[in-house]
Amino acid sequence: MPVAIITDSAAALPPELVERHHIVVVPMWLTVGGESVKEGDVPLETLVSRYDVTTSGPTPGEFETAIKERLRDPDVDAICVCTIAATMSSTHEAAVLGARAAGGPVQVVDTTTAAGAQGLVVLAAAAAAAAGSGIDEVVAVAHATIAKVRLVAMVGNLDHLVRSGRVPNVAGWAGRRLGIAPLFEFRDGAAHPLRPARGADAALDRIVSRWRRSKVENTRLHVAALHAQAPEIADGLLARVTAEVTPATAFTASFGTVMVVHTGPGLAGLAWWWEPESSVSGD
């Protein structure tokens, strides 16, 4: 593999995919009660009930170390680093600084997204690298995927977003009284609210409907079903998709704790993109 792929843990890739595609994952950080811990070291169910959790990205030094370690492999000629959206985290800037300090042929890509959508970009870059593409082509594949990937999800409730100041308290109160399930689409580095649904079932129907309407002829599907402490919901979403289309890539994964700390439990959704057959035949 002439090009190695590095990402951060916000990509929420299952460990088996990380291992299969030889991806290096640099962990995000959480501060819990004043103590810094790596994402994944504390169970998610422990974190969502706490009010003293803050988040931060990896340091430039952590990216520098990861890059240097991969460049020491004689089979690696270059590195592509795919990060969480720069608008969400300092992680992208840290990766750029780490790459500069490490030296060598390294390119850093801002995926402008997070979670499963980021993970799908990373997997597309890894597939191009495994096919023998050079660094410029791998980066081009990553950017082409970024332009197509979508992430639509529902939030269990607005309590965590109210607490963080991202939505007003009156919105959280109204949501609880009316049984509203908030929906959003994450694109271009930000969460864009969608028309809310009356209840979780209606919200899930709307997510699947948005996926169905996005279908493109002569393509193959790459999809991830995502959840926060609700694997059965993600499994159900993926089953509804695979009942209609046989994907080239399909997996379920938990949202990273960094995202769930801000949104709270009950988060569930789909990330996907349609790969044109022309690019498939060129693999």
C-alpha atoms as a PDB file:
ATOM      1  CA  MET A   1       0.000   0.000   0.000  1.00  0.00           C
ATOM      2  CA  PRO A   2       1.953   3.053  -1.213  1.00  0.00           C
ATOM      3  CA  VAL A   3      -0.409   5.509   0.538  1.00  0.00           C
ATOM      4  CA  ALA A   4      -1.326   5.027   4.210  1.00  0.00           C
ATOM      5  CA  ILE A   5      -4.521   6.461   5.684  1.00  0.00           C
ATOM      6  CA  ILE A   6      -4.791   8.207   9.052  1.00  0.00           C
ATOM      7  CA  THR A   7      -7.937   9.619  10.632  1.00  0.00           C
ATOM      8  CA  ASP A   8      -9.260  10.642  14.048  1.00  0.00           C
ATOM      9  CA  SER A   9     -11.658   8.701  16.242  1.00  0.00           C
ATOM     10  CA  ALA A  10     -14.582  10.997  15.377  1.00  0.00           C
ATOM     11  CA  ALA A  11     -14.908   8.874  12.210  1.00  0.00           C
ATOM     12  CA  ALA A  12     -16.527   6.184  14.393  1.00  0.00           C
ATOM     13  CA  LEU A  13     -15.190   3.318  12.301  1.00  0.00           C
ATOM     14  CA  PRO A  14     -15.708  -0.188  13.711  1.00  0.00           C
ATOM     15  CA  PRO A  15     -12.415  -1.808  14.796  1.00  0.00           C
ATOM     16  CA  GLU A  16     -12.720  -4.607  12.236  1.00  0.00           C
ATOM     17  CA  LEU A  17     -12.829  -2.089   9.372  1.00  0.00           C
ATOM     18  CA  VAL A  18      -9.896  -0.169  10.803  1.00  0.00           C
ATOM     19  CA  GLU A  19      -7.866  -3.374  10.915  1.00  0.00           C
ATOM     20  CA  ARG A  20      -8.976  -4.665   7.512  1.00  0.00           C
ATOM     21  CA  HIS A  21      -8.042  -1.436   5.731  1.00  0.00           C
ATOM     22  CA  HIS A  22      -4.860  -0.750   7.759  1.00  0.00           C
ATOM     23  CA  ILE A  23      -6.170   2.623   8.940  1.00  0.00           C
ATOM     24  CA  VAL A  24      -4.453   4.454  11.794  1.00  0.00           C
ATOM     25  CA  VAL A  25      -6.900   6.174  14.171  1.00  0.00           C
ATOM     26  CA  VAL A  26      -5.671   9.032  16.374  1.00  0.00           C
ATOM     27  CA  PRO A  27      -8.015   9.335  19.378  1.00  0.00           C
ATOM     28  CA  MET A  28      -9.945  12.443  20.364  1.00  0.00           C
ATOM     29  CA  TRP A  29      -9.845  13.539  24.019  1.00  0.00           C
ATOM     30  CA  LEU A  30     -12.429  14.018  26.737  1.00  0.00           C
ATOM     31  CA  THR A  31     -12.082  15.850  30.029  1.00  0.00           C
ATOM     32  CA  VAL A  32     -14.207  14.132  32.667  1.00  0.00           C
ATOM     33  CA  GLY A  33     -14.327  15.782  36.066  1.00  0.00           C
ATOM     34  CA  GLY A  34     -11.072  17.582  35.313  1.00  0.00           C
ATOM     35  CA  GLU A  35      -9.265  14.421  34.175  1.00  0.00           C
ATOM     36  CA  SER A  36      -8.225  13.931  30.534  1.00  0.00           C
ATOM     37  CA  VAL A  37      -9.045  10.552  28.981  1.00  0.00           C
ATOM     38  CA  LYS A  38      -8.866   9.245  25.428  1.00  0.00           C
ATOM     39  CA  GLU A  39     -12.120   8.726  23.554  1.00  0.00           C
ATOM     40  CA  GLY A  40     -13.125   5.118  24.006  1.00  0.00           C
ATOM     41  CA  ASP A  41     -11.461   4.685  27.407  1.00  0.00           C
ATOM     42  CA  VAL A  42     -14.673   5.578  29.276  1.00  0.00           C
ATOM     43  CA  PRO A  43     -17.954   3.807  28.450  1.00  0.00           C
ATOM     44  CA  LEU A  44     -20.472   5.963  26.636  1.00  0.00           C
ATOM     45  CA  GLU A  45     -23.216   5.200  29.155  1.00  0.00           C
ATOM     46  CA  THR A  46     -21.019   6.678  31.880  1.00  0.00           C
ATOM     47  CA  LEU A  47     -20.530   9.947  30.018  1.00  0.00           C
ATOM     48  CA  VAL A  48     -24.027  10.854  28.847  1.00  0.00           C
ATOM     49  CA  SER A  49     -25.358  11.249  32.366  1.00  0.00           C
ATOM     50  CA  ARG A  50     -22.579  13.611  33.450  1.00  0.00           C
ATOM     51  CA  TYR A  51     -22.481  17.398  33.268  1.00  0.00           C
ATOM     52  CA  ASP A  52     -18.726  17.841  33.671  1.00  0.00           C
ATOM     53  CA  VAL A  53     -17.523  16.447  30.330  1.00  0.00           C
ATOM     54  CA  THR A  54     -15.746  18.571  27.718  1.00  0.00           C
ATOM     55  CA  THR A  55     -14.078  17.522  24.476  1.00  0.00           C
ATOM     56  CA  SER A  56     -10.912  18.325  22.537  1.00  0.00           C
ATOM     57  CA  GLY A  57      -9.045  17.059  19.518  1.00  0.00           C
ATOM     58  CA  PRO A  58      -5.697  15.258  19.316  1.00  0.00           C
ATOM     59  CA  THR A  59      -2.556  17.362  19.612  1.00  0.00           C
ATOM     60  CA  PRO A  60      -0.206  18.149  16.713  1.00  0.00           C
ATOM     61  CA  GLY A  61       2.368  15.944  18.413  1.00  0.00           C
ATOM     62  CA  GLU A  62       0.033  12.954  18.339  1.00  0.00           C
ATOM     63  CA  PHE A  63      -0.497  13.379  14.610  1.00  0.00           C
ATOM     64  CA  GLU A  64       3.230  13.888  14.076  1.00  0.00           C
ATOM     65  CA  THR A  65       3.978  10.629  15.901  1.00  0.00           C
ATOM     66  CA  ALA A  66       1.342   8.687  13.949  1.00  0.00           C
ATOM     67  CA  ILE A  67       2.607  10.036  10.633  1.00  0.00           C
ATOM     68  CA  LYS A  68       6.278   9.303  11.395  1.00  0.00           C
ATOM     69  CA  GLU A  69       5.430   5.754  12.471  1.00  0.00           C
ATOM     70  CA  ARG A  70       3.640   5.023   9.192  1.00  0.00           C
ATOM     71  CA  LEU A  71       6.388   6.640   7.094  1.00  0.00           C
ATOM     72  CA  ARG A  72       8.911   4.290   8.706  1.00  0.00           C
ATOM     73  CA  ASP A  73       7.153   1.416   6.936  1.00  0.00           C
ATOM     74  CA  PRO A  74       9.216   0.736   3.770  1.00  0.00           C
ATOM     75  CA  ASP A  75       6.006  -0.084   1.864  1.00  0.00           C
ATOM     76  CA  VAL A  76       4.487   3.359   2.563  1.00  0.00           C
ATOM     77  CA  ASP A  77       5.356   6.196   0.196  1.00  0.00           C
ATOM     78  CA  ALA A  78       2.912   8.866   1.384  1.00  0.00           C
ATOM     79  CA  ILE A  79       0.205   9.645   3.942  1.00  0.00           C
ATOM     80  CA  CYS A  80      -3.358  10.921   3.561  1.00  0.00           C
ATOM     81  CA  VAL A  81      -4.879  12.248   6.795  1.00  0.00           C
ATOM     82  CA  CYS A  82      -8.691  12.646   6.803  1.00  0.00           C
ATOM     83  CA  THR A  83     -10.046  14.684   9.722  1.00  0.00           C
ATOM     84  CA  ILE A  84     -13.343  15.667  11.256  1.00  0.00           C
ATOM     85  CA  ALA A  85     -14.745  18.969   9.951  1.00  0.00           C
ATOM     86  CA  ALA A  86     -12.469  21.881  10.775  1.00  0.00           C
ATOM     87  CA  THR A  87     -15.565  23.855  11.803  1.00  0.00           C
ATOM     88  CA  MET A  88     -16.285  21.338  14.578  1.00  0.00           C
ATOM     89  CA  SER A  89     -12.882  20.811  16.095  1.00  0.00           C
ATOM     90  CA  SER A  90      -9.282  21.979  16.233  1.00  0.00           C
ATOM     91  CA  THR A  91      -8.344  18.493  15.042  1.00  0.00           C
ATOM     92  CA  HIS A  92      -7.817  19.509  11.407  1.00  0.00           C
ATOM     93  CA  GLU A  93      -5.444  22.325  12.374  1.00  0.00           C
ATOM     94  CA  ALA A  94      -3.585  19.927  14.685  1.00  0.00           C
ATOM     95  CA  ALA A  95      -3.227  17.441  11.825  1.00  0.00           C
ATOM     96  CA  VAL A  96      -1.859  20.136   9.510  1.00  0.00           C
ATOM     97  CA  LEU A  97       0.686  21.202  12.130  1.00  0.00           C
ATOM     98  CA  GLY A  98       1.601  17.593  12.879  1.00  0.00           C
ATOM     99  CA  ALA A  99       2.085  16.827   9.183  1.00  0.00           C
ATOM    100  CA  ARG A 100       4.291  19.882   8.778  1.00  0.00           C
ATOM    101  CA  ALA A 101       6.416  18.837  11.740  1.00  0.00           C
ATOM    102  CA  ALA A 102       6.684  15.236  10.527  1.00  0.00           C
ATOM    103  CA  GLY A 103       7.775  16.222   7.049  1.00  0.00           C
ATOM    104  CA  GLY A 104       7.551  13.915   4.087  1.00  0.00           C
ATOM    105  CA  PRO A 105       4.787  13.440   1.513  1.00  0.00           C
ATOM    106  CA  VAL A 106       1.683  14.051   3.651  1.00  0.00           C
ATOM    107  CA  GLN A 107      -1.624  15.630   2.652  1.00  0.00           C
ATOM    108  CA  VAL A 108      -4.375  16.533   5.125  1.00  0.00           C
ATOM    109  CA  VAL A 109      -8.026  16.490   4.041  1.00  0.00           C
ATOM    110  CA  ASP A 110     -10.842  18.269   5.881  1.00  0.00           C
ATOM    111  CA  THR A 111     -13.801  15.916   5.359  1.00  0.00           C
ATOM    112  CA  THR A 112     -16.196  18.755   6.373  1.00  0.00           C
ATOM    113  CA  THR A 113     -18.263  16.118   8.197  1.00  0.00           C
ATOM    114  CA  ALA A 114     -18.071  13.653  11.077  1.00  0.00           C
ATOM    115  CA  ALA A 115     -19.110  10.231  12.369  1.00  0.00           C
ATOM    116  CA  GLY A 116     -20.196   7.703   9.734  1.00  0.00           C
ATOM    117  CA  ALA A 117     -19.981  10.216   6.883  1.00  0.00           C
ATOM    118  CA  GLN A 118     -16.361  10.901   7.798  1.00  0.00           C
ATOM    119  CA  GLY A 119     -15.822   7.160   8.084  1.00  0.00           C
ATOM    120  CA  LEU A 120     -17.143   6.593   4.559  1.00  0.00           C
ATOM    121  CA  VAL A 121     -14.733   9.217   3.198  1.00  0.00           C
ATOM    122  CA  VAL A 122     -11.882   7.476   5.000  1.00  0.00           C
ATOM    123  CA  LEU A 123     -12.896   4.093   3.580  1.00  0.00           C
ATOM    124  CA  ALA A 124     -13.080   5.523   0.053  1.00  0.00           C
ATOM    125  CA  ALA A 125      -9.568   6.915   0.427  1.00  0.00           C
ATOM    126  CA  ALA A 126      -8.365   3.579   1.833  1.00  0.00           C
ATOM    127  CA  ALA A 127      -9.905   1.694  -1.114  1.00  0.00           C
ATOM    128  CA  ALA A 128      -8.114   3.968  -3.576  1.00  0.00           C
ATOM    129  CA  ALA A 129      -4.845   3.455  -1.708  1.00  0.00           C
ATOM    130  CA  ALA A 130      -5.312  -0.321  -1.686  1.00  0.00           C
ATOM    131  CA  ALA A 131      -5.858  -0.204  -5.452  1.00  0.00           C
ATOM    132  CA  GLY A 132      -2.397   1.330  -5.837  1.00  0.00           C
ATOM    133  CA  SER A 133      -3.364   4.967  -6.385  1.00  0.00           C
ATOM    134  CA  GLY A 134      -0.804   7.660  -5.640  1.00  0.00           C
ATOM    135  CA  ILE A 135      -1.283  10.339  -3.025  1.00  0.00           C
ATOM    136  CA  ASP A 136      -2.815  12.913  -5.396  1.00  0.00           C
ATOM    137  CA  GLU A 137      -5.385  10.415  -6.663  1.00  0.00           C
ATOM    138  CA  VAL A 138      -6.222   9.231  -3.144  1.00  0.00           C
ATOM    139  CA  VAL A 139      -6.822  12.831  -2.068  1.00  0.00           C
ATOM    140  CA  ALA A 140      -8.932  13.421  -5.193  1.00  0.00           C
ATOM    141  CA  VAL A 141     -11.062  10.369  -4.332  1.00  0.00           C
ATOM    142  CA  ALA A 142     -11.521  11.699  -0.790  1.00  0.00           C
ATOM    143  CA  HIS A 143     -12.696  15.078  -2.084  1.00  0.00           C
ATOM    144  CA  ALA A 144     -15.028  13.471  -4.627  1.00  0.00           C
ATOM    145  CA  THR A 145     -16.586  11.410  -1.831  1.00  0.00           C
ATOM    146  CA  ILE A 146     -16.936  14.458   0.413  1.00  0.00           C
ATOM    147  CA  ALA A 147     -18.993  16.104  -2.327  1.00  0.00           C
ATOM    148  CA  LYS A 148     -21.416  13.150  -2.374  1.00  0.00           C
ATOM    149  CA  VAL A 149     -21.614  11.862   1.197  1.00  0.00           C
ATOM    150  CA  ARG A 150     -24.666  12.641   3.344  1.00  0.00           C
ATOM    151  CA  LEU A 151     -25.448  12.253   7.032  1.00  0.00           C
ATOM    152  CA  VAL A 152     -29.026  12.557   8.318  1.00  0.00           C
ATOM    153  CA  ALA A 153     -29.890  11.788  11.932  1.00  0.00           C
ATOM    154  CA  MET A 154     -32.397  12.312  14.693  1.00  0.00           C
ATOM    155  CA  VAL A 155     -31.668  13.432  18.230  1.00  0.00           C
ATOM    156  CA  GLY A 156     -33.377  11.645  21.119  1.00  0.00           C
ATOM    157  CA  ASN A 157     -34.223  14.990  22.733  1.00  0.00           C
ATOM    158  CA  LEU A 158     -32.903  18.543  22.908  1.00  0.00           C
ATOM    159  CA  ASP A 159     -31.776  18.460  26.550  1.00  0.00           C
ATOM    160  CA  HIS A 160     -28.043  18.177  25.861  1.00  0.00           C
ATOM    161  CA  LEU A 161     -28.184  20.814  23.123  1.00  0.00           C
ATOM    162  CA  VAL A 162     -30.061  23.163  25.449  1.00  0.00           C
ATOM    163  CA  ARG A 163     -27.465  22.552  28.163  1.00  0.00           C
ATOM    164  CA  SER A 164     -24.640  23.356  25.740  1.00  0.00           C
ATOM    165  CA  GLY A 165     -26.366  26.553  24.614  1.00  0.00           C
ATOM    166  CA  ARG A 166     -26.819  25.325  21.023  1.00  0.00           C
ATOM    167  CA  VAL A 167     -30.611  25.687  21.176  1.00  0.00           C
ATOM    168  CA  PRO A 168     -32.769  27.845  23.486  1.00  0.00           C
ATOM    169  CA  ASN A 169     -34.372  26.300  26.536  1.00  0.00           C
ATOM    170  CA  VAL A 170     -37.869  27.051  25.237  1.00  0.00           C
ATOM    171  CA  ALA A 171     -37.197  24.807  22.239  1.00  0.00           C
ATOM    172  CA  GLY A 172     -36.243  21.954  24.530  1.00  0.00           C
ATOM    173  CA  TRP A 173     -39.379  22.467  26.621  1.00  0.00           C
ATOM    174  CA  ALA A 174     -41.599  22.536  23.529  1.00  0.00           C
ATOM    175  CA  GLY A 175     -39.936  19.434  22.127  1.00  0.00           C
ATOM    176  CA  ARG A 176     -40.637  17.474  25.311  1.00  0.00           C
ATOM    177  CA  ARG A 177     -44.258  18.665  25.552  1.00  0.00           C
ATOM    178  CA  LEU A 178     -45.087  17.926  21.916  1.00  0.00           C
ATOM    179  CA  GLY A 179     -43.147  14.668  21.564  1.00  0.00           C
ATOM    180  CA  ILE A 180     -41.056  16.118  18.747  1.00  0.00           C
ATOM    181  CA  ALA A 181     -38.026  14.217  17.427  1.00  0.00           C
ATOM    182  CA  PRO A 182     -35.535  16.756  16.045  1.00  0.00           C
ATOM    183  CA  LEU A 183     -33.830  15.905  12.737  1.00  0.00           C
ATOM    184  CA  PHE A 184     -30.703  17.357  11.162  1.00  0.00           C
ATOM    185  CA  GLU A 185     -28.463  16.899   8.150  1.00  0.00           C
ATOM    186  CA  PHE A 186     -24.752  17.409   8.659  1.00  0.00           C
ATOM    187  CA  ARG A 187     -23.124  18.984   5.604  1.00  0.00           C
ATOM    188  CA  ASP A 188     -20.537  21.629   4.766  1.00  0.00           C
ATOM    189  CA  GLY A 189     -19.162  21.478   8.286  1.00  0.00           C
ATOM    190  CA  ALA A 190     -22.390  22.211  10.159  1.00  0.00           C
ATOM    191  CA  ALA A 191     -25.594  20.592  11.398  1.00  0.00           C
ATOM    192  CA  HIS A 192     -28.578  21.937   9.455  1.00  0.00           C
ATOM    193  CA  PRO A 193     -31.972  21.412  11.135  1.00  0.00           C
ATOM    194  CA  LEU A 194     -34.665  19.634   9.160  1.00  0.00           C
ATOM    195  CA  ARG A 195     -38.404  19.674   9.713  1.00  0.00           C
ATOM    196  CA  PRO A 196     -38.917  17.789  12.998  1.00  0.00           C
ATOM    197  CA  ALA A 197     -41.026  14.652  13.208  1.00  0.00           C
ATOM    198  CA  ARG A 198     -43.753  13.691  15.650  1.00  0.00           C
ATOM    199  CA  GLY A 199     -41.997  10.866  17.463  1.00  0.00           C
ATOM    200  CA  ALA A 200     -38.998   8.631  16.832  1.00  0.00           C
ATOM    201  CA  ASP A 201     -40.757   6.260  14.418  1.00  0.00           C
ATOM    202  CA  ALA A 202     -41.767   9.116  12.158  1.00  0.00           C
ATOM    203  CA  ALA A 203     -38.239  10.507  12.326  1.00  0.00           C
ATOM    204  CA  LEU A 204     -36.743   7.185  11.246  1.00  0.00           C
ATOM    205  CA  ASP A 205     -39.251   6.969   8.386  1.00  0.00           C
ATOM    206  CA  ARG A 206     -38.179  10.411   7.272  1.00  0.00           C
ATOM    207  CA  ILE A 207     -34.478   9.463   7.365  1.00  0.00           C
ATOM    208  CA  VAL A 208     -35.105   6.420   5.176  1.00  0.00           C
ATOM    209  CA  SER A 209     -37.257   8.522   2.853  1.00  0.00           C
ATOM    210  CA  ARG A 210     -34.453  11.047   2.363  1.00  0.00           C
ATOM    211  CA  TRP A 211     -32.056   8.207   1.582  1.00  0.00           C
ATOM    212  CA  ARG A 212     -34.530   6.655  -0.871  1.00  0.00           C
ATOM    213  CA  ARG A 213     -35.068   9.942  -2.703  1.00  0.00           C
ATOM    214  CA  SER A 214     -31.312  10.377  -3.114  1.00  0.00           C
ATOM    215  CA  LYS A 215     -30.878   7.222  -5.212  1.00  0.00           C
ATOM    216  CA  VAL A 216     -28.787   7.657  -8.333  1.00  0.00           C
ATOM    217  CA  GLU A 217     -28.905   5.309 -11.316  1.00  0.00           C
ATOM    218  CA  ASN A 218     -25.830   3.302 -12.290  1.00  0.00           C
ATOM    219  CA  THR A 219     -24.168   3.615  -8.905  1.00  0.00           C
ATOM    220  CA  ARG A 220     -23.336   1.403  -5.972  1.00  0.00           C
ATOM    221  CA  LEU A 221     -24.204   2.316  -2.402  1.00  0.00           C
ATOM    222  CA  HIS A 222     -21.904   2.847   0.572  1.00  0.00           C
ATOM    223  CA  VAL A 223     -23.890   3.215   3.805  1.00  0.00           C
ATOM    224  CA  ALA A 224     -23.420   3.349   7.568  1.00  0.00           C
ATOM    225  CA  ALA A 225     -26.170   3.139  10.178  1.00  0.00           C
ATOM    226  CA  LEU A 226     -25.253   5.024  13.330  1.00  0.00           C
ATOM    227  CA  HIS A 227     -26.523   5.119  16.887  1.00  0.00           C
ATOM    228  CA  ALA A 228     -25.821   6.239  20.425  1.00  0.00           C
ATOM    229  CA  GLN A 229     -26.762   3.507  22.881  1.00  0.00           C
ATOM    230  CA  ALA A 230     -29.423   2.277  20.460  1.00  0.00           C
ATOM    231  CA  PRO A 231     -27.912  -0.489  18.285  1.00  0.00           C
ATOM    232  CA  GLU A 232     -31.316  -1.989  17.558  1.00  0.00           C
ATOM    233  CA  ILE A 233     -32.394   1.261  15.899  1.00  0.00           C
ATOM    234  CA  ALA A 234     -29.276   1.313  13.705  1.00  0.00           C
ATOM    235  CA  ASP A 235     -29.766  -2.340  12.801  1.00  0.00           C
ATOM    236  CA  GLY A 236     -33.360  -1.590  11.836  1.00  0.00           C
ATOM    237  CA  LEU A 237     -32.345   1.345   9.660  1.00  0.00           C
ATOM    238  CA  LEU A 238     -29.719  -0.719   7.873  1.00  0.00           C
ATOM    239  CA  ALA A 239     -32.177  -3.591   7.355  1.00  0.00           C
ATOM    240  CA  ARG A 240     -34.625  -1.205   5.680  1.00  0.00           C
ATOM    241  CA  VAL A 241     -31.905   0.019   3.330  1.00  0.00           C
ATOM    242  CA  THR A 242     -30.528  -3.409   2.457  1.00  0.00           C
ATOM    243  CA  ALA A 243     -34.052  -4.689   1.756  1.00  0.00           C
ATOM    244  CA  GLU A 244     -34.069  -2.341  -1.238  1.00  0.00           C
ATOM    245  CA  VAL A 245     -30.402  -2.161  -2.300  1.00  0.00           C
ATOM    246  CA  THR A 246     -27.396  -4.436  -1.917  1.00  0.00           C
ATOM    247  CA  PRO A 247     -24.647  -2.040  -0.762  1.00  0.00           C
ATOM    248  CA  ALA A 248     -20.979  -2.254  -1.673  1.00  0.00           C
ATOM    249  CA  THR A 249     -20.227  -1.092   1.873  1.00  0.00           C
ATOM    250  CA  ALA A 250     -22.572  -1.446   4.849  1.00  0.00           C
ATOM    251  CA  PHE A 251     -21.918  -1.315   8.573  1.00  0.00           C
ATOM    252  CA  THR A 252     -23.412  -0.181  11.850  1.00  0.00           C
ATOM    253  CA  ALA A 253     -21.416   1.846  14.330  1.00  0.00           C
ATOM    254  CA  SER A 254     -21.796   3.923  17.438  1.00  0.00           C
ATOM    255  CA  PHE A 255     -21.472   7.676  17.184  1.00  0.00           C
ATOM    256  CA  GLY A 256     -18.233   8.737  18.840  1.00  0.00           C
ATOM    257  CA  THR A 257     -18.469   9.863  22.430  1.00  0.00           C
ATOM    258  CA  VAL A 258     -17.259  13.333  21.469  1.00  0.00           C
ATOM    259  CA  MET A 259     -20.405  13.882  19.395  1.00  0.00           C
ATOM    260  CA  VAL A 260     -22.760  12.180  21.852  1.00  0.00           C
ATOM    261  CA  VAL A 261     -21.509  14.347  24.720  1.00  0.00           C
ATOM    262  CA  HIS A 262     -23.040  17.314  22.875  1.00  0.00           C
ATOM    263  CA  THR A 263     -26.197  15.666  21.550  1.00  0.00           C
ATOM    264  CA  GLY A 264     -27.068  13.143  24.248  1.00  0.00           C
ATOM    265  CA  PRO A 265     -28.245   9.531  23.914  1.00  0.00           C
ATOM    266  CA  GLY A 266     -30.884   8.466  21.423  1.00  0.00           C
ATOM    267  CA  LEU A 267     -28.939   9.778  18.423  1.00  0.00           C
ATOM    268  CA  ALA A 268     -29.514   7.606  15.342  1.00  0.00           C
ATOM    269  CA  GLY A 269     -29.163   8.050  11.614  1.00  0.00           C
ATOM    270  CA  LEU A 270     -27.740   7.103   8.258  1.00  0.00           C
ATOM    271  CA  ALA A 271     -24.637   8.195   6.379  1.00  0.00           C
ATOM    272  CA  TRP A 272     -24.316   7.258   2.723  1.00  0.00           C
ATOM    273  CA  TRP A 273     -23.033   8.057  -0.741  1.00  0.00           C
ATOM    274  CA  TRP A 274     -23.598   6.689  -4.244  1.00  0.00           C
ATOM    275  CA  GLU A 275     -20.451   5.761  -6.162  1.00  0.00           C
ATOM    276  CA  PRO A 276     -20.732   6.154  -9.944  1.00  0.00           C
ATOM    277  CA  GLU A 277     -20.125   2.978 -11.942  1.00  0.00           C
ATOM    278  CA  SER A 278     -17.536   4.823 -14.022  1.00  0.00           C
ATOM    279  CA  SER A 279     -15.313   5.185 -10.972  1.00  0.00           C
ATOM    280  CA  VAL A 280     -16.002   1.577  -9.993  1.00  0.00           C
ATOM    281  CA  SER A 281     -14.844   0.287 -13.377  1.00  0.00           C
ATOM    282  CA  GLY A 282     -11.734   2.391 -13.065  1.00  0.00           C
ATOM    283  CA  ASP A 283     -10.690   0.804  -9.756  1.00  0.00           C
END
